[in-house]
Amino acid sequence: MVQRRGSMEARIEQVKQQLQSQGYKLTPQREATVRVLLENEEDHLSAEDVFLLVKEKAPEIGLATVYRTLELLSELHVVEKLNFGDGVARYDLRSASNNHHHHHLICVRCGSVDEIMDDWLLPLEERLATEYQFKVLDHRLDFHGICWRCEDQDSTDPKKQ
């Protein structure tokens, strides 16, 4: 727990520096929002999800403040605003060491989102630079299909065999 807390404080400090470099302050409301995103990094939270979790830490915060904070963090590339095709914007905190998005496996049946942390597209980026003189700044790759959980469910359901 101590290591995780130290890691979280280091990430908060990185976000604070990112904001300051663009002329913004890490207000208590912004910090509460970033902490919620850090504590729930694997969950791809919607703005409403973030609001409900921030409200537990800072009851005085309003939904509009959370929306404005998420939009600012998105504009400054602290978080990535994602859309998995369900009409709901979700937010993903960018790792300071990761120049690219990670990739996602999106289940069209249950809606689960799993992450691929490996960046298999770097060889393609190098080829684009060489063959097309095109410098890739970022990329996103989302796969839509049936997750292993739904596949397992199908294989144990006698009606689907």
Protein backbone atom coordinates (compact mmCIF):
# COMPACT_ATOMS: atom_id res chain seq x y z
CA MET A 1 0.00 0.00 0.00
CA VAL A 2 2.85 2.42 0.80
CA GLN A 3 4.45 1.77 -2.60
CA ARG A 4 1.11 2.31 -4.38
CA ARG A 5 0.52 5.54 -2.45
CA GLY A 6 4.02 6.77 -3.36
CA SER A 7 3.37 5.87 -6.97
CA MET A 8 0.04 7.70 -6.90
CA GLU A 9 1.65 10.79 -5.38
CA ALA A 10 4.32 10.71 -8.09
CA ARG A 11 1.65 10.51 -10.78
CA ILE A 12 -0.28 13.38 -9.15
CA GLU A 13 2.92 15.43 -9.20
CA GLN A 14 3.41 14.62 -12.91
CA VAL A 15 -0.13 15.79 -13.68
CA LYS A 16 0.46 18.94 -11.62
CA GLN A 17 3.58 19.69 -13.67
CA GLN A 18 1.73 19.01 -16.95
CA LEU A 19 -0.98 21.47 -15.92
CA GLN A 20 1.52 24.10 -14.74
CA SER A 21 3.48 23.86 -18.01
CA GLN A 22 0.26 24.90 -19.80
CA GLY A 23 -0.59 27.67 -17.32
CA TYR A 24 -3.13 25.77 -15.20
CA LYS A 25 -3.23 24.88 -11.52
CA LEU A 26 -4.03 21.54 -9.94
CA THR A 27 -7.06 22.73 -7.98
CA PRO A 28 -8.53 20.50 -5.26
CA GLN A 29 -11.38 19.58 -7.63
CA ARG A 30 -8.96 18.63 -10.40
CA GLU A 31 -6.83 16.66 -7.96
CA ALA A 32 -9.87 14.73 -6.68
CA THR A 33 -10.78 13.90 -10.29
CA VAL A 34 -7.24 12.73 -11.11
CA ARG A 35 -7.14 10.60 -7.95
CA VAL A 36 -10.39 8.87 -8.94
CA LEU A 37 -8.96 8.18 -12.41
CA LEU A 38 -5.76 6.79 -10.86
CA GLU A 39 -7.65 4.60 -8.41
CA ASN A 40 -9.80 3.20 -11.24
CA GLU A 41 -7.32 3.11 -14.12
CA GLU A 42 -8.51 -0.22 -15.47
CA ASP A 43 -12.21 0.73 -15.53
CA HIS A 44 -12.59 3.23 -18.43
CA LEU A 45 -14.95 5.45 -16.44
CA SER A 46 -17.62 7.68 -17.96
CA ALA A 47 -17.91 11.30 -16.78
CA GLU A 48 -20.91 10.27 -14.67
CA ASP A 49 -18.90 7.41 -13.11
CA VAL A 50 -16.08 9.83 -12.31
CA PHE A 51 -18.54 12.32 -10.84
CA LEU A 52 -20.12 9.75 -8.51
CA LEU A 53 -16.72 8.62 -7.26
CA VAL A 54 -15.37 12.18 -6.89
CA LYS A 55 -18.54 13.16 -5.01
CA GLU A 56 -17.64 10.57 -2.33
CA LYS A 57 -14.30 12.36 -1.77
CA ALA A 58 -15.47 15.94 -2.33
CA PRO A 59 -19.23 16.24 -1.72
CA GLU A 60 -19.25 19.91 -2.74
CA ILE A 61 -18.13 19.22 -6.32
CA GLY A 62 -20.66 19.59 -9.12
CA LEU A 63 -21.15 17.53 -12.26
CA ALA A 64 -20.30 20.52 -14.48
CA THR A 65 -16.95 20.91 -12.68
CA VAL A 66 -16.11 17.25 -13.31
CA TYR A 67 -17.06 17.61 -16.99
CA ARG A 68 -14.92 20.74 -17.36
CA THR A 69 -12.01 19.05 -15.58
CA LEU A 70 -12.21 15.96 -17.81
CA GLU A 71 -12.37 18.12 -20.95
CA LEU A 72 -9.36 20.17 -19.82
CA LEU A 73 -7.38 17.02 -18.95
CA SER A 74 -8.31 15.61 -22.36
CA GLU A 75 -7.21 18.78 -24.19
CA LEU A 76 -3.88 18.67 -22.32
CA HIS A 77 -3.45 14.95 -23.16
CA VAL A 78 -3.42 13.94 -19.50
CA VAL A 79 -6.39 11.68 -20.20
CA GLU A 80 -7.70 10.20 -23.41
CA LYS A 81 -11.36 10.52 -24.25
CA LEU A 82 -12.49 7.20 -25.68
CA ASN A 83 -15.63 6.06 -27.47
CA PHE A 84 -16.24 2.33 -27.69
CA GLY A 85 -19.28 2.66 -29.95
CA ASP A 86 -21.86 2.72 -27.17
CA GLY A 87 -22.39 6.50 -27.29
CA VAL A 88 -20.72 7.07 -23.92
CA ALA A 89 -17.44 8.98 -23.66
CA ARG A 90 -15.01 7.24 -21.33
CA TYR A 91 -11.77 8.52 -19.89
CA ASP A 92 -8.45 6.78 -19.66
CA LEU A 93 -5.51 8.28 -17.79
CA ARG A 94 -2.43 8.34 -20.00
CA SER A 95 0.73 6.89 -18.59
CA ALA A 96 3.58 9.37 -18.53
CA SER A 97 5.89 6.72 -19.99
CA ASN A 98 3.48 5.73 -22.75
CA ASN A 99 3.57 7.86 -25.88
CA HIS A 100 0.73 5.94 -27.48
CA HIS A 101 -2.67 4.68 -26.57
CA HIS A 102 -2.90 1.14 -25.46
CA HIS A 103 -5.32 -0.94 -27.46
CA HIS A 104 -8.70 -2.42 -26.56
CA LEU A 105 -10.69 -5.61 -27.04
CA ILE A 106 -14.37 -4.61 -26.92
CA CYS A 107 -17.00 -7.31 -26.47
CA VAL A 108 -20.09 -6.60 -28.55
CA ARG A 109 -22.13 -8.97 -26.39
CA CYS A 110 -21.43 -7.95 -22.77
CA GLY A 111 -19.70 -4.61 -23.34
CA SER A 112 -16.51 -5.54 -21.47
CA VAL A 113 -13.32 -3.75 -22.45
CA ASP A 114 -9.97 -5.49 -22.04
CA GLU A 115 -6.66 -3.77 -22.66
CA ILE A 116 -3.67 -4.76 -24.75
CA MET A 117 -0.67 -3.03 -23.24
CA ASP A 118 1.83 -4.17 -25.90
CA ASP A 119 2.29 -1.80 -28.81
CA TRP A 120 2.46 -4.08 -31.84
CA LEU A 121 2.12 -1.18 -34.25
CA LEU A 122 5.60 0.30 -33.79
CA PRO A 123 7.04 -1.68 -36.76
CA LEU A 124 4.18 -0.35 -38.90
CA GLU A 125 4.91 3.22 -37.75
CA GLU A 126 8.56 2.79 -38.72
CA ARG A 127 7.53 1.49 -42.14
CA LEU A 128 5.15 4.44 -42.64
CA ALA A 129 7.98 6.83 -41.79
CA THR A 130 10.37 5.12 -44.21
CA GLU A 131 8.05 4.41 -47.13
CA TYR A 132 5.69 7.40 -46.92
CA GLN A 133 7.76 9.99 -45.03
CA PHE A 134 4.88 10.11 -42.55
CA LYS A 135 5.61 10.70 -38.87
CA VAL A 136 2.93 9.03 -36.76
CA LEU A 137 2.21 11.01 -33.61
CA ASP A 138 -0.32 8.60 -32.15
CA HIS A 139 -2.64 5.76 -33.05
CA ARG A 140 -5.54 3.77 -31.67
CA LEU A 141 -6.56 0.21 -32.34
CA ASP A 142 -9.81 -1.26 -31.03
CA PHE A 143 -10.98 -4.77 -31.79
CA HIS A 144 -14.71 -5.52 -31.62
CA GLY A 145 -15.77 -9.13 -31.06
CA ILE A 146 -16.83 -11.71 -28.48
CA CYS A 147 -14.77 -11.85 -25.28
CA TRP A 148 -13.52 -15.05 -23.67
CA ARG A 149 -16.11 -14.73 -20.88
CA CYS A 150 -19.00 -14.79 -23.35
CA GLU A 151 -17.33 -17.58 -25.36
CA ASP A 152 -16.97 -19.66 -22.15
CA GLN A 153 -20.62 -19.02 -21.37
CA ASP A 154 -21.60 -20.22 -24.86
CA SER A 155 -19.56 -23.40 -24.51
CA THR A 156 -21.30 -24.34 -21.25
CA ASP A 157 -24.81 -23.45 -22.47
CA PRO A 158 -26.43 -26.64 -23.86
CA LYS A 159 -28.82 -24.55 -26.02
CA LYS A 160 -25.88 -23.04 -27.91
CA GLN A 161 -24.10 -26.33 -28.65
